[in-house]
C-alpha atoms as a PDB file:
ATOM      1  CA  UNK A   1       0.000   0.000   0.000  1.00  0.00           C
ATOM      2  CA  UNK A   2       2.859   2.363   0.806  1.00  0.00           C
ATOM      3  CA  UNK A   3       4.523   2.022  -2.598  1.00  0.00           C
ATOM      4  CA  UNK A   4       1.469   3.003  -4.691  1.00  0.00           C
ATOM      5  CA  UNK A   5       0.870   5.940  -2.354  1.00  0.00           C
ATOM      6  CA  UNK A   6       4.460   7.093  -2.797  1.00  0.00           C
ATOM      7  CA  UNK A   7       4.144   6.808  -6.588  1.00  0.00           C
ATOM      8  CA  UNK A   8       0.959   8.853  -6.472  1.00  0.00           C
ATOM      9  CA  UNK A   9       2.650  11.614  -4.473  1.00  0.00           C
ATOM     10  CA  UNK A  10       5.577  11.699  -6.889  1.00  0.00           C
ATOM     11  CA  UNK A  11       3.278  11.753  -9.902  1.00  0.00           C
ATOM     12  CA  UNK A  12       1.177  14.593  -8.568  1.00  0.00           C
ATOM     13  CA  UNK A  13       4.242  16.627  -7.676  1.00  0.00           C
ATOM     14  CA  UNK A  14       5.633  16.361 -11.202  1.00  0.00           C
ATOM     15  CA  UNK A  15       2.410  17.597 -12.850  1.00  0.00           C
ATOM     16  CA  UNK A  16       2.655  21.229 -13.986  1.00  0.00           C
ATOM     17  CA  UNK A  17      -0.855  21.974 -12.719  1.00  0.00           C
ATOM     18  CA  UNK A  18       0.060  20.770  -9.241  1.00  0.00           C
ATOM     19  CA  UNK A  19       3.226  22.865  -9.286  1.00  0.00           C
ATOM     20  CA  UNK A  20       1.163  25.932 -10.213  1.00  0.00           C
ATOM     21  CA  UNK A  21      -1.220  25.247  -7.330  1.00  0.00           C
ATOM     22  CA  UNK A  22       1.656  24.874  -4.872  1.00  0.00           C
ATOM     23  CA  UNK A  23       3.191  28.143  -6.087  1.00  0.00           C
ATOM     24  CA  UNK A  24      -0.180  29.885  -5.738  1.00  0.00           C
ATOM     25  CA  UNK A  25      -0.520  28.588  -2.172  1.00  0.00           C
ATOM     26  CA  UNK A  26       2.934  29.850  -1.230  1.00  0.00           C
ATOM     27  CA  UNK A  27       2.267  33.252  -2.799  1.00  0.00           C
ATOM     28  CA  UNK A  28      -1.086  33.433  -1.019  1.00  0.00           C
ATOM     29  CA  UNK A  29       0.631  32.604   2.263  1.00  0.00           C
ATOM     30  CA  UNK A  30       3.151  35.349   1.538  1.00  0.00           C
ATOM     31  CA  UNK A  31       0.838  38.190   0.548  1.00  0.00           C
ATOM     32  CA  UNK A  32      -2.460  37.482   2.327  1.00  0.00           C
ATOM     33  CA  UNK A  33      -1.543  39.892   5.129  1.00  0.00           C
ATOM     34  CA  UNK A  34      -0.993  42.679   2.596  1.00  0.00           C
ATOM     35  CA  UNK A  35      -4.722  42.614   1.830  1.00  0.00           C
ATOM     36  CA  UNK A  36      -5.591  43.868   5.363  1.00  0.00           C
ATOM     37  CA  UNK A  37      -8.397  41.336   5.723  1.00  0.00           C
ATOM     38  CA  UNK A  38      -7.986  41.163   9.500  1.00  0.00           C
ATOM     39  CA  UNK A  39      -6.781  43.532  12.194  1.00  0.00           C
ATOM     40  CA  UNK A  40      -3.863  41.226  13.037  1.00  0.00           C
ATOM     41  CA  UNK A  41      -1.553  39.345  10.693  1.00  0.00           C
ATOM     42  CA  UNK A  42      -2.621  35.821   9.824  1.00  0.00           C
ATOM     43  CA  UNK A  43       0.997  34.845   9.183  1.00  0.00           C
ATOM     44  CA  UNK A  44       3.550  36.918  11.021  1.00  0.00           C
ATOM     45  CA  UNK A  45       7.156  37.709  10.270  1.00  0.00           C
ATOM     46  CA  UNK A  46       8.375  34.535  11.986  1.00  0.00           C
ATOM     47  CA  UNK A  47       6.303  32.215   9.780  1.00  0.00           C
ATOM     48  CA  UNK A  48       7.492  34.008   6.660  1.00  0.00           C
ATOM     49  CA  UNK A  49      11.068  33.808   7.896  1.00  0.00           C
ATOM     50  CA  UNK A  50      10.756  30.022   8.152  1.00  0.00           C
ATOM     51  CA  UNK A  51       9.241  29.889   4.660  1.00  0.00           C
ATOM     52  CA  UNK A  52      12.134  31.864   3.192  1.00  0.00           C
ATOM     53  CA  UNK A  53      14.779  29.729   4.915  1.00  0.00           C
ATOM     54  CA  UNK A  54      13.011  26.574   3.695  1.00  0.00           C
ATOM     55  CA  UNK A  55      13.016  27.849   0.106  1.00  0.00           C
ATOM     56  CA  UNK A  56      16.694  28.812   0.267  1.00  0.00           C
ATOM     57  CA  UNK A  57      17.611  25.362   1.549  1.00  0.00           C
ATOM     58  CA  UNK A  58      15.426  23.862  -1.178  1.00  0.00           C
ATOM     59  CA  UNK A  59      17.653  25.593  -3.735  1.00  0.00           C
ATOM     60  CA  UNK A  60      20.788  24.368  -1.957  1.00  0.00           C
ATOM     61  CA  UNK A  61      19.440  20.807  -1.709  1.00  0.00           C
ATOM     62  CA  UNK A  62      18.516  20.789  -5.390  1.00  0.00           C
ATOM     63  CA  UNK A  63      21.986  22.076  -6.282  1.00  0.00           C
ATOM     64  CA  UNK A  64      23.656  19.384  -4.170  1.00  0.00           C
ATOM     65  CA  UNK A  65      21.586  16.813  -6.056  1.00  0.00           C
ATOM     66  CA  UNK A  66      23.683  17.529  -9.156  1.00  0.00           C
ATOM     67  CA  UNK A  67      26.648  15.980  -7.369  1.00  0.00           C
ATOM     68  CA  UNK A  68      25.139  13.538  -4.913  1.00  0.00           C
ATOM     69  CA  UNK A  69      22.063  12.482  -6.830  1.00  0.00           C
ATOM     70  CA  UNK A  70      22.918  12.652 -10.520  1.00  0.00           C
ATOM     71  CA  UNK A  71      26.553  11.496 -10.612  1.00  0.00           C
ATOM     72  CA  UNK A  72      26.529   9.633  -7.287  1.00  0.00           C
ATOM     73  CA  UNK A  73      29.384  11.542  -5.605  1.00  0.00           C
ATOM     74  CA  UNK A  74      28.947  12.183  -1.873  1.00  0.00           C
ATOM     75  CA  UNK A  75      30.203  15.678  -1.015  1.00  0.00           C
ATOM     76  CA  UNK A  76      30.568  17.278   2.397  1.00  0.00           C
ATOM     77  CA  UNK A  77      31.873  20.597   1.118  1.00  0.00           C
ATOM     78  CA  UNK A  78      28.747  22.111  -0.407  1.00  0.00           C
ATOM     79  CA  UNK A  79      28.460  24.766   2.290  1.00  0.00           C
ATOM     80  CA  UNK A  80      31.703  26.229   0.910  1.00  0.00           C
ATOM     81  CA  UNK A  81      29.863  27.252  -2.274  1.00  0.00           C
ATOM     82  CA  UNK A  82      26.904  28.566  -0.292  1.00  0.00           C
ATOM     83  CA  UNK A  83      29.130  30.659   1.956  1.00  0.00           C
ATOM     84  CA  UNK A  84      31.419  31.788  -0.848  1.00  0.00           C
ATOM     85  CA  UNK A  85      28.454  33.131  -2.783  1.00  0.00           C
ATOM     86  CA  UNK A  86      27.390  35.032   0.299  1.00  0.00           C
ATOM     87  CA  UNK A  87      30.831  36.540   0.865  1.00  0.00           C
ATOM     88  CA  UNK A  88      31.287  37.549  -2.785  1.00  0.00           C
ATOM     89  CA  UNK A  89      27.905  39.253  -2.817  1.00  0.00           C
ATOM     90  CA  UNK A  90      28.575  40.983   0.504  1.00  0.00           C
ATOM     91  CA  UNK A  91      32.004  42.261  -0.534  1.00  0.00           C
ATOM     92  CA  UNK A  92      31.000  43.438  -4.000  1.00  0.00           C
ATOM     93  CA  UNK A  93      28.018  45.408  -2.693  1.00  0.00           C
ATOM     94  CA  UNK A  94      29.607  46.833   0.461  1.00  0.00           C
ATOM     95  CA  UNK A  95      33.168  47.530  -0.717  1.00  0.00           C
ATOM     96  CA  UNK A  96      32.770  48.137  -4.448  1.00  0.00           C
ATOM     97  CA  UNK A  97      29.106  49.233  -4.347  1.00  0.00           C
ATOM     98  CA  UNK A  98      28.078  47.159  -7.331  1.00  0.00           C
ATOM     99  CA  UNK A  99      24.352  46.818  -8.076  1.00  0.00           C
ATOM    100  CA  UNK A 100      22.853  43.789  -6.413  1.00  0.00           C
ATOM    101  CA  UNK A 101      21.938  42.148  -9.724  1.00  0.00           C
ATOM    102  CA  UNK A 102      25.596  42.165 -10.755  1.00  0.00           C
ATOM    103  CA  UNK A 103      26.725  40.947  -7.338  1.00  0.00           C
ATOM    104  CA  UNK A 104      24.122  38.181  -7.476  1.00  0.00           C
ATOM    105  CA  UNK A 105      25.495  36.820 -10.754  1.00  0.00           C
ATOM    106  CA  UNK A 106      29.116  37.242  -9.627  1.00  0.00           C
ATOM    107  CA  UNK A 107      28.410  35.200  -6.500  1.00  0.00           C
ATOM    108  CA  UNK A 108      27.229  32.276  -8.614  1.00  0.00           C
ATOM    109  CA  UNK A 109      30.123  32.576 -11.059  1.00  0.00           C
ATOM    110  CA  UNK A 110      32.705  32.773  -8.261  1.00  0.00           C
ATOM    111  CA  UNK A 111      31.277  29.671  -6.604  1.00  0.00           C
ATOM    112  CA  UNK A 112      31.266  27.863  -9.961  1.00  0.00           C
ATOM    113  CA  UNK A 113      34.928  28.721 -10.531  1.00  0.00           C
ATOM    114  CA  UNK A 114      35.801  27.352  -7.093  1.00  0.00           C
ATOM    115  CA  UNK A 115      33.758  24.262  -7.941  1.00  0.00           C
ATOM    116  CA  UNK A 116      36.301  23.331 -10.606  1.00  0.00           C
ATOM    117  CA  UNK A 117      39.280  22.655  -8.281  1.00  0.00           C
ATOM    118  CA  UNK A 118      37.020  21.341  -5.532  1.00  0.00           C
ATOM    119  CA  UNK A 119      35.482  18.902  -7.990  1.00  0.00           C
ATOM    120  CA  UNK A 120      38.891  17.777  -9.260  1.00  0.00           C
ATOM    121  CA  UNK A 121      39.345  15.133  -6.503  1.00  0.00           C
ATOM    122  CA  UNK A 122      36.152  13.453  -7.722  1.00  0.00           C
ATOM    123  CA  UNK A 123      37.985  12.539 -10.924  1.00  0.00           C
ATOM    124  CA  UNK A 124      40.260  10.092  -9.124  1.00  0.00           C
ATOM    125  CA  UNK A 125      38.618   9.171  -5.829  1.00  0.00           C
ATOM    126  CA  UNK A 126      35.105   8.329  -4.674  1.00  0.00           C
ATOM    127  CA  UNK A 127      33.142   7.075  -1.703  1.00  0.00           C
ATOM    128  CA  UNK A 128      34.455   7.829   1.800  1.00  0.00           C
ATOM    129  CA  UNK A 129      37.718   9.201   0.400  1.00  0.00           C
ATOM    130  CA  UNK A 130      35.862  11.907  -1.514  1.00  0.00           C
ATOM    131  CA  UNK A 131      33.815  12.674   1.601  1.00  0.00           C
ATOM    132  CA  UNK A 132      36.991  13.336   3.574  1.00  0.00           C
ATOM    133  CA  UNK A 133      38.557  15.481   0.819  1.00  0.00           C
ATOM    134  CA  UNK A 134      35.457  17.646   0.296  1.00  0.00           C
ATOM    135  CA  UNK A 135      35.025  17.979   4.058  1.00  0.00           C
ATOM    136  CA  UNK A 136      38.608  19.183   4.373  1.00  0.00           C
ATOM    137  CA  UNK A 137      38.233  21.660   1.500  1.00  0.00           C
ATOM    138  CA  UNK A 138      35.125  23.123   3.119  1.00  0.00           C
ATOM    139  CA  UNK A 139      36.941  23.595   6.418  1.00  0.00           C
ATOM    140  CA  UNK A 140      39.836  25.308   4.614  1.00  0.00           C
ATOM    141  CA  UNK A 141      37.460  27.915   3.198  1.00  0.00           C
ATOM    142  CA  UNK A 142      35.957  28.446   6.632  1.00  0.00           C
ATOM    143  CA  UNK A 143      39.320  29.134   8.263  1.00  0.00           C
ATOM    144  CA  UNK A 144      40.324  31.420   5.409  1.00  0.00           C
ATOM    145  CA  UNK A 145      37.200  33.490   6.090  1.00  0.00           C
ATOM    146  CA  UNK A 146      37.982  33.542   9.818  1.00  0.00           C
ATOM    147  CA  UNK A 147      41.555  34.791   9.354  1.00  0.00           C
ATOM    148  CA  UNK A 148      41.150  37.406   6.614  1.00  0.00           C
ATOM    149  CA  UNK A 149      40.493  41.031   7.559  1.00  0.00           C
ATOM    150  CA  UNK A 150      38.538  41.731   4.375  1.00  0.00           C
ATOM    151  CA  UNK A 151      35.953  39.107   5.331  1.00  0.00           C
ATOM    152  CA  UNK A 152      35.498  40.557   8.814  1.00  0.00           C
ATOM    153  CA  UNK A 153      37.261  37.704  10.565  1.00  0.00           C
ATOM    154  CA  UNK A 154      35.233  35.572  12.995  1.00  0.00           C
ATOM    155  CA  UNK A 155      32.676  38.379  13.401  1.00  0.00           C
ATOM    156  CA  UNK A 156      31.759  38.408   9.713  1.00  0.00           C
ATOM    157  CA  UNK A 157      30.325  41.370   7.810  1.00  0.00           C
ATOM    158  CA  UNK A 158      27.184  43.020   9.227  1.00  0.00           C
ATOM    159  CA  UNK A 159      24.951  45.732   7.785  1.00  0.00           C
ATOM    160  CA  UNK A 160      24.585  44.436   4.231  1.00  0.00           C
ATOM    161  CA  UNK A 161      22.334  46.432   1.934  1.00  0.00           C
ATOM    162  CA  UNK A 162      18.919  45.177   0.900  1.00  0.00           C
ATOM    163  CA  UNK A 163      18.542  44.172  -2.778  1.00  0.00           C
ATOM    164  CA  UNK A 164      16.642  46.698  -4.874  1.00  0.00           C
ATOM    165  CA  UNK A 165      14.531  46.543  -8.005  1.00  0.00           C
ATOM    166  CA  UNK A 166      13.585  50.190  -8.130  1.00  0.00           C
ATOM    167  CA  UNK A 167      12.470  49.726  -4.521  1.00  0.00           C
ATOM    168  CA  UNK A 168      14.292  47.971  -1.698  1.00  0.00           C
ATOM    169  CA  UNK A 169      13.161  44.419  -0.932  1.00  0.00           C
ATOM    170  CA  UNK A 170      12.746  45.397   2.728  1.00  0.00           C
ATOM    171  CA  UNK A 171      10.130  47.982   1.741  1.00  0.00           C
ATOM    172  CA  UNK A 172       7.903  45.502  -0.101  1.00  0.00           C
ATOM    173  CA  UNK A 173       5.070  43.867   1.850  1.00  0.00           C
ATOM    174  CA  UNK A 174       3.934  44.273   5.414  1.00  0.00           C
ATOM    175  CA  UNK A 175       6.866  42.415   6.983  1.00  0.00           C
ATOM    176  CA  UNK A 176       9.643  43.249   4.515  1.00  0.00           C
ATOM    177  CA  UNK A 177      10.190  39.546   3.817  1.00  0.00           C
ATOM    178  CA  UNK A 178       7.721  39.101   0.981  1.00  0.00           C
ATOM    179  CA  UNK A 179      10.061  40.122  -1.862  1.00  0.00           C
ATOM    180  CA  UNK A 180      12.782  37.799  -0.554  1.00  0.00           C
ATOM    181  CA  UNK A 181      10.303  34.906  -0.496  1.00  0.00           C
ATOM    182  CA  UNK A 182       9.246  35.585  -4.085  1.00  0.00           C
ATOM    183  CA  UNK A 183      12.899  35.798  -5.206  1.00  0.00           C
ATOM    184  CA  UNK A 184      13.752  32.515  -3.438  1.00  0.00           C
ATOM    185  CA  UNK A 185      10.643  30.863  -4.914  1.00  0.00           C
ATOM    186  CA  UNK A 186      11.572  31.986  -8.444  1.00  0.00           C
ATOM    187  CA  UNK A 187      15.118  30.694  -8.001  1.00  0.00           C
ATOM    188  CA  UNK A 188      13.878  27.355  -6.650  1.00  0.00           C
ATOM    189  CA  UNK A 189      11.322  26.920  -9.443  1.00  0.00           C
ATOM    190  CA  UNK A 190      13.884  27.853 -12.098  1.00  0.00           C
ATOM    191  CA  UNK A 191      16.364  25.302 -10.788  1.00  0.00           C
ATOM    192  CA  UNK A 192      13.661  22.638 -10.478  1.00  0.00           C
ATOM    193  CA  UNK A 193      12.620  23.276 -14.097  1.00  0.00           C
ATOM    194  CA  UNK A 194      16.228  23.037 -15.311  1.00  0.00           C
ATOM    195  CA  UNK A 195      16.766  19.778 -13.444  1.00  0.00           C
ATOM    196  CA  UNK A 196      13.487  18.335 -14.737  1.00  0.00           C
ATOM    197  CA  UNK A 197      14.519  19.109 -18.322  1.00  0.00           C
ATOM    198  CA  UNK A 198      18.016  17.811 -17.676  1.00  0.00           C
ATOM    199  CA  UNK A 199      16.881  14.367 -16.561  1.00  0.00           C
ATOM    200  CA  UNK A 200      15.838  13.233 -20.063  1.00  0.00           C
ATOM    201  CA  UNK A 201      18.572  15.098 -21.923  1.00  0.00           C
ATOM    202  CA  UNK A 202      21.885  13.815 -23.262  1.00  0.00           C
ATOM    203  CA  UNK A 203      23.633  15.257 -20.194  1.00  0.00           C
ATOM    204  CA  UNK A 204      21.153  13.593 -17.861  1.00  0.00           C
ATOM    205  CA  UNK A 205      21.676  10.215 -19.517  1.00  0.00           C
ATOM    206  CA  UNK A 206      25.442  10.678 -19.234  1.00  0.00           C
ATOM    207  CA  UNK A 207      25.059  11.445 -15.522  1.00  0.00           C
ATOM    208  CA  UNK A 208      22.988   8.270 -15.084  1.00  0.00           C
ATOM    209  CA  UNK A 209      25.536   6.141 -16.938  1.00  0.00           C
ATOM    210  CA  UNK A 210      28.402   7.443 -14.787  1.00  0.00           C
ATOM    211  CA  UNK A 211      26.390   6.913 -11.621  1.00  0.00           C
ATOM    212  CA  UNK A 212      25.557   3.301 -12.504  1.00  0.00           C
ATOM    213  CA  UNK A 213      28.926   2.174 -13.878  1.00  0.00           C
ATOM    214  CA  UNK A 214      31.725   4.608 -14.616  1.00  0.00           C
ATOM    215  CA  UNK A 215      33.857   2.059 -16.502  1.00  0.00           C
ATOM    216  CA  UNK A 216      30.955   1.043 -18.728  1.00  0.00           C
ATOM    217  CA  UNK A 217      30.149   4.703 -19.356  1.00  0.00           C
ATOM    218  CA  UNK A 218      33.739   5.337 -20.434  1.00  0.00           C
ATOM    219  CA  UNK A 219      33.624   2.392 -22.824  1.00  0.00           C
ATOM    220  CA  UNK A 220      30.566   3.969 -24.463  1.00  0.00           C
ATOM    221  CA  UNK A 221      32.427   7.194 -25.200  1.00  0.00           C
ATOM    222  CA  UNK A 222      31.246   9.206 -22.179  1.00  0.00           C
ATOM    223  CA  UNK A 223      33.922  11.339 -20.508  1.00  0.00           C
ATOM    224  CA  UNK A 224      33.366  10.903 -16.732  1.00  0.00           C
ATOM    225  CA  UNK A 225      35.807  13.683 -15.821  1.00  0.00           C
ATOM    226  CA  UNK A 226      33.948  16.219 -17.963  1.00  0.00           C
ATOM    227  CA  UNK A 227      30.515  15.370 -16.592  1.00  0.00           C
ATOM    228  CA  UNK A 228      31.650  15.129 -12.974  1.00  0.00           C
ATOM    229  CA  UNK A 229      33.170  18.599 -13.175  1.00  0.00           C
ATOM    230  CA  UNK A 230      30.004  19.819 -14.879  1.00  0.00           C
ATOM    231  CA  UNK A 231      27.922  18.515 -11.978  1.00  0.00           C
ATOM    232  CA  UNK A 232      30.157  20.231  -9.412  1.00  0.00           C
ATOM    233  CA  UNK A 233      30.109  23.517 -11.352  1.00  0.00           C
ATOM    234  CA  UNK A 234      26.326  23.488 -11.821  1.00  0.00           C
ATOM    235  CA  UNK A 235      25.754  22.696  -8.158  1.00  0.00           C
ATOM    236  CA  UNK A 236      28.235  25.318  -6.991  1.00  0.00           C
ATOM    237  CA  UNK A 237      26.724  28.016  -9.227  1.00  0.00           C
ATOM    238  CA  UNK A 238      23.211  27.700  -7.818  1.00  0.00           C
ATOM    239  CA  UNK A 239      24.455  27.260  -4.244  1.00  0.00           C
ATOM    240  CA  UNK A 240      26.357  30.541  -4.675  1.00  0.00           C
ATOM    241  CA  UNK A 241      23.203  32.294  -5.892  1.00  0.00           C
ATOM    242  CA  UNK A 242      21.291  30.973  -2.879  1.00  0.00           C
ATOM    243  CA  UNK A 243      24.065  32.198  -0.557  1.00  0.00           C
ATOM    244  CA  UNK A 244      23.895  35.676  -2.081  1.00  0.00           C
ATOM    245  CA  UNK A 245      20.163  35.998  -1.512  1.00  0.00           C
ATOM    246  CA  UNK A 246      20.458  34.527   1.984  1.00  0.00           C
ATOM    247  CA  UNK A 247      23.106  36.947   3.298  1.00  0.00           C
ATOM    248  CA  UNK A 248      21.271  40.028   2.018  1.00  0.00           C
ATOM    249  CA  UNK A 249      18.098  38.772   3.639  1.00  0.00           C
ATOM    250  CA  UNK A 250      19.941  38.288   6.937  1.00  0.00           C
ATOM    251  CA  UNK A 251      21.913  41.529   6.357  1.00  0.00           C
ATOM    252  CA  UNK A 252      24.907  39.611   7.675  1.00  0.00           C
ATOM    253  CA  UNK A 253      27.466  37.034   6.583  1.00  0.00           C
ATOM    254  CA  UNK A 254      29.791  35.001   8.820  1.00  0.00           C
ATOM    255  CA  UNK A 255      32.168  32.007   8.562  1.00  0.00           C
ATOM    256  CA  UNK A 256      29.446  29.806  10.069  1.00  0.00           C
ATOM    257  CA  UNK A 257      27.903  29.613   6.593  1.00  0.00           C
ATOM    258  CA  UNK A 258      30.941  27.601   5.467  1.00  0.00           C
ATOM    259  CA  UNK A 259      30.949  25.207   8.414  1.00  0.00           C
ATOM    260  CA  UNK A 260      30.888  21.430   8.137  1.00  0.00           C
ATOM    261  CA  UNK A 261      27.663  21.430  10.149  1.00  0.00           C
ATOM    262  CA  UNK A 262      25.982  23.269   7.277  1.00  0.00           C
ATOM    263  CA  UNK A 263      27.328  20.759   4.751  1.00  0.00           C
ATOM    264  CA  UNK A 264      26.124  17.847   6.867  1.00  0.00           C
ATOM    265  CA  UNK A 265      22.669  19.390   7.147  1.00  0.00           C
ATOM    266  CA  UNK A 266      22.508  19.933   3.369  1.00  0.00           C
ATOM    267  CA  UNK A 267      23.475  16.323   2.683  1.00  0.00           C
ATOM    268  CA  UNK A 268      20.943  15.148   5.262  1.00  0.00           C
ATOM    269  CA  UNK A 269      18.199  17.044   3.431  1.00  0.00           C
ATOM    270  CA  UNK A 270      19.108  15.165   0.264  1.00  0.00           C
ATOM    271  CA  UNK A 271      19.170  11.831   2.100  1.00  0.00           C
ATOM    272  CA  UNK A 272      15.835  12.394   3.849  1.00  0.00           C
ATOM    273  CA  UNK A 273      14.019  13.809   0.833  1.00  0.00           C
ATOM    274  CA  UNK A 274      15.502  11.393  -1.667  1.00  0.00           C
ATOM    275  CA  UNK A 275      18.359  11.589  -4.154  1.00  0.00           C
ATOM    276  CA  UNK A 276      17.498  12.772  -7.691  1.00  0.00           C
ATOM    277  CA  UNK A 277      13.993  13.623  -6.581  1.00  0.00           C
ATOM    278  CA  UNK A 278      12.943  17.217  -7.186  1.00  0.00           C
ATOM    279  CA  UNK A 279       9.934  17.053  -4.835  1.00  0.00           C
ATOM    280  CA  UNK A 280      12.146  15.134  -2.413  1.00  0.00           C
ATOM    281  CA  UNK A 281      14.598  18.046  -2.288  1.00  0.00           C
ATOM    282  CA  UNK A 282      11.790  20.418  -1.332  1.00  0.00           C
ATOM    283  CA  UNK A 283      10.404  17.946   1.197  1.00  0.00           C
ATOM    284  CA  UNK A 284      13.792  17.367   2.831  1.00  0.00           C
ATOM    285  CA  UNK A 285      14.548  21.086   3.029  1.00  0.00           C
ATOM    286  CA  UNK A 286      11.162  22.041   4.471  1.00  0.00           C
ATOM    287  CA  UNK A 287      11.084  19.100   6.882  1.00  0.00           C
ATOM    288  CA  UNK A 288      14.554  19.728   8.300  1.00  0.00           C
ATOM    289  CA  UNK A 289      13.941  23.465   8.563  1.00  0.00           C
ATOM    290  CA  UNK A 290      10.519  23.366  10.202  1.00  0.00           C
ATOM    291  CA  UNK A 291      11.106  20.402  12.555  1.00  0.00           C
ATOM    292  CA  UNK A 292      13.925  22.035  14.608  1.00  0.00           C
ATOM    293  CA  UNK A 293      11.802  25.172  15.031  1.00  0.00           C
ATOM    294  CA  UNK A 294       8.832  23.110  16.199  1.00  0.00           C
ATOM    295  CA  UNK A 295      10.994  21.168  18.651  1.00  0.00           C
ATOM    296  CA  UNK A 296      12.411  24.432  19.975  1.00  0.00           C
ATOM    297  CA  UNK A 297       8.836  25.431  20.762  1.00  0.00           C
ATOM    298  CA  UNK A 298       8.274  22.049  22.455  1.00  0.00           C
ATOM    299  CA  UNK A 299      11.434  22.578  24.492  1.00  0.00           C
ATOM    300  CA  UNK A 300      10.168  25.935  25.791  1.00  0.00           C
ATOM    301  CA  UNK A 301       6.707  24.578  26.583  1.00  0.00           C
ATOM    302  CA  UNK A 302       8.004  21.526  28.458  1.00  0.00           C
ATOM    303  CA  UNK A 303      10.888  23.394  30.077  1.00  0.00           C
ATOM    304  CA  UNK A 304      13.491  20.927  28.836  1.00  0.00           C
ATOM    305  CA  UNK A 305      17.128  21.576  29.673  1.00  0.00           C
ATOM    306  CA  UNK A 306      18.323  20.187  26.330  1.00  0.00           C
ATOM    307  CA  UNK A 307      17.407  20.631  22.703  1.00  0.00           C
ATOM    308  CA  UNK A 308      15.375  17.566  21.623  1.00  0.00           C
ATOM    309  CA  UNK A 309      16.424  18.142  18.009  1.00  0.00           C
ATOM    310  CA  UNK A 310      20.001  17.161  18.880  1.00  0.00           C
ATOM    311  CA  UNK A 311      18.692  13.754  19.945  1.00  0.00           C
ATOM    312  CA  UNK A 312      16.120  13.279  17.204  1.00  0.00           C
ATOM    313  CA  UNK A 313      18.488  14.351  14.422  1.00  0.00           C
ATOM    314  CA  UNK A 314      20.741  11.337  14.924  1.00  0.00           C
ATOM    315  CA  UNK A 315      17.762   9.066  15.498  1.00  0.00           C
ATOM    316  CA  UNK A 316      16.187  10.306  12.268  1.00  0.00           C
ATOM    317  CA  UNK A 317      19.285   9.400  10.263  1.00  0.00           C
ATOM    318  CA  UNK A 318      19.507   5.935  11.829  1.00  0.00           C
ATOM    319  CA  UNK A 319      15.818   5.233  11.116  1.00  0.00           C
ATOM    320  CA  UNK A 320      16.067   6.560   7.560  1.00  0.00           C
ATOM    321  CA  UNK A 321      19.112   4.450   6.755  1.00  0.00           C
ATOM    322  CA  UNK A 322      17.390   1.386   8.165  1.00  0.00           C
ATOM    323  CA  UNK A 323      13.812   1.810   6.956  1.00  0.00           C
ATOM    324  CA  UNK A 324      13.998   4.146   3.961  1.00  0.00           C
ATOM    325  CA  UNK A 325      17.605   4.390   2.704  1.00  0.00           C
ATOM    326  CA  UNK A 326      16.450   5.838  -0.631  1.00  0.00           C
ATOM    327  CA  UNK A 327      14.745   8.762   1.133  1.00  0.00           C
ATOM    328  CA  UNK A 328      11.070   9.605   1.407  1.00  0.00           C
ATOM    329  CA  UNK A 329      10.637  10.316  -2.308  1.00  0.00           C
ATOM    330  CA  UNK A 330      13.861   8.938  -3.772  1.00  0.00           C
ATOM    331  CA  UNK A 331      14.262   6.136  -6.291  1.00  0.00           C
ATOM    332  CA  UNK A 332      17.295   4.476  -4.702  1.00  0.00           C
ATOM    333  CA  UNK A 333      19.815   5.020  -1.936  1.00  0.00           C
ATOM    334  CA  UNK A 334      22.854   7.216  -2.571  1.00  0.00           C
ATOM    335  CA  UNK A 335      24.910   4.942  -0.312  1.00  0.00           C
ATOM    336  CA  UNK A 336      25.985   1.744  -2.021  1.00  0.00           C
ATOM    337  CA  UNK A 337      27.349  -1.312  -0.309  1.00  0.00           C
END
């Protein structure tokens, strides 16, 4: 019974009409308070903050799927691209006063350029060895950000300007978060559309061949090195764009964005939602963003002295690996025996 239900959910999520309905619901959630239908807000700033963070992590999870899902390479350095995009956008707007649109594109391009050398180890190593190398590379970027004066050191860079399109994002909507939500939603939908089209393309078939058997793919004329680097560059580019939008929303960037904890959380979102599953990426991002906030509320209500999420996070991974290793909406597990 569970398998047909899962197939139904996946089928509905891939239908364009369903996607339009979901977008309409999110936009309604975002702008309903602007209609002044009630004296108090139906959805306050906190709820919209959670929605924005969930959408940003949806973009990051989708971008990580290029590497982890499509070519089957497990990376623990994806936060480096996310944080690098944030730092490039922060520096170009605060130091060189470039328009945000230019800084936004530069953040993605800079992350993509860094994705080339960071993806180079994937050409020769795989599995746990690649995990260690990408983890180490991510930590290197973090300590570079901590020790450079131009990046603000451990304190980061506060007071970043709000993006503008004739009017500042902070001045749009009743909470100032509405424009950021729309921008994150557009970015997420654009990436989801690109990935959906990619799956049945020549590139998508090459990714699948490399993922299933790299030696067989090479014998068929597919260049694994080229497509692996392509996956890293694509993933890094969109993670950098997400980092740019995130830091200007927070009006702050710090080395914590490049931490291994962030990379682990991003990979966990892929694992929970399901590798190579577009709806799974959204589900994993929303689930792992909303659940900690809900448990924080439970902690305050019950007066607990510890954060229950720290316990349930590990338990969730153990249960997922045992019961549903392919993820909630994934086709197969990303971890092979």
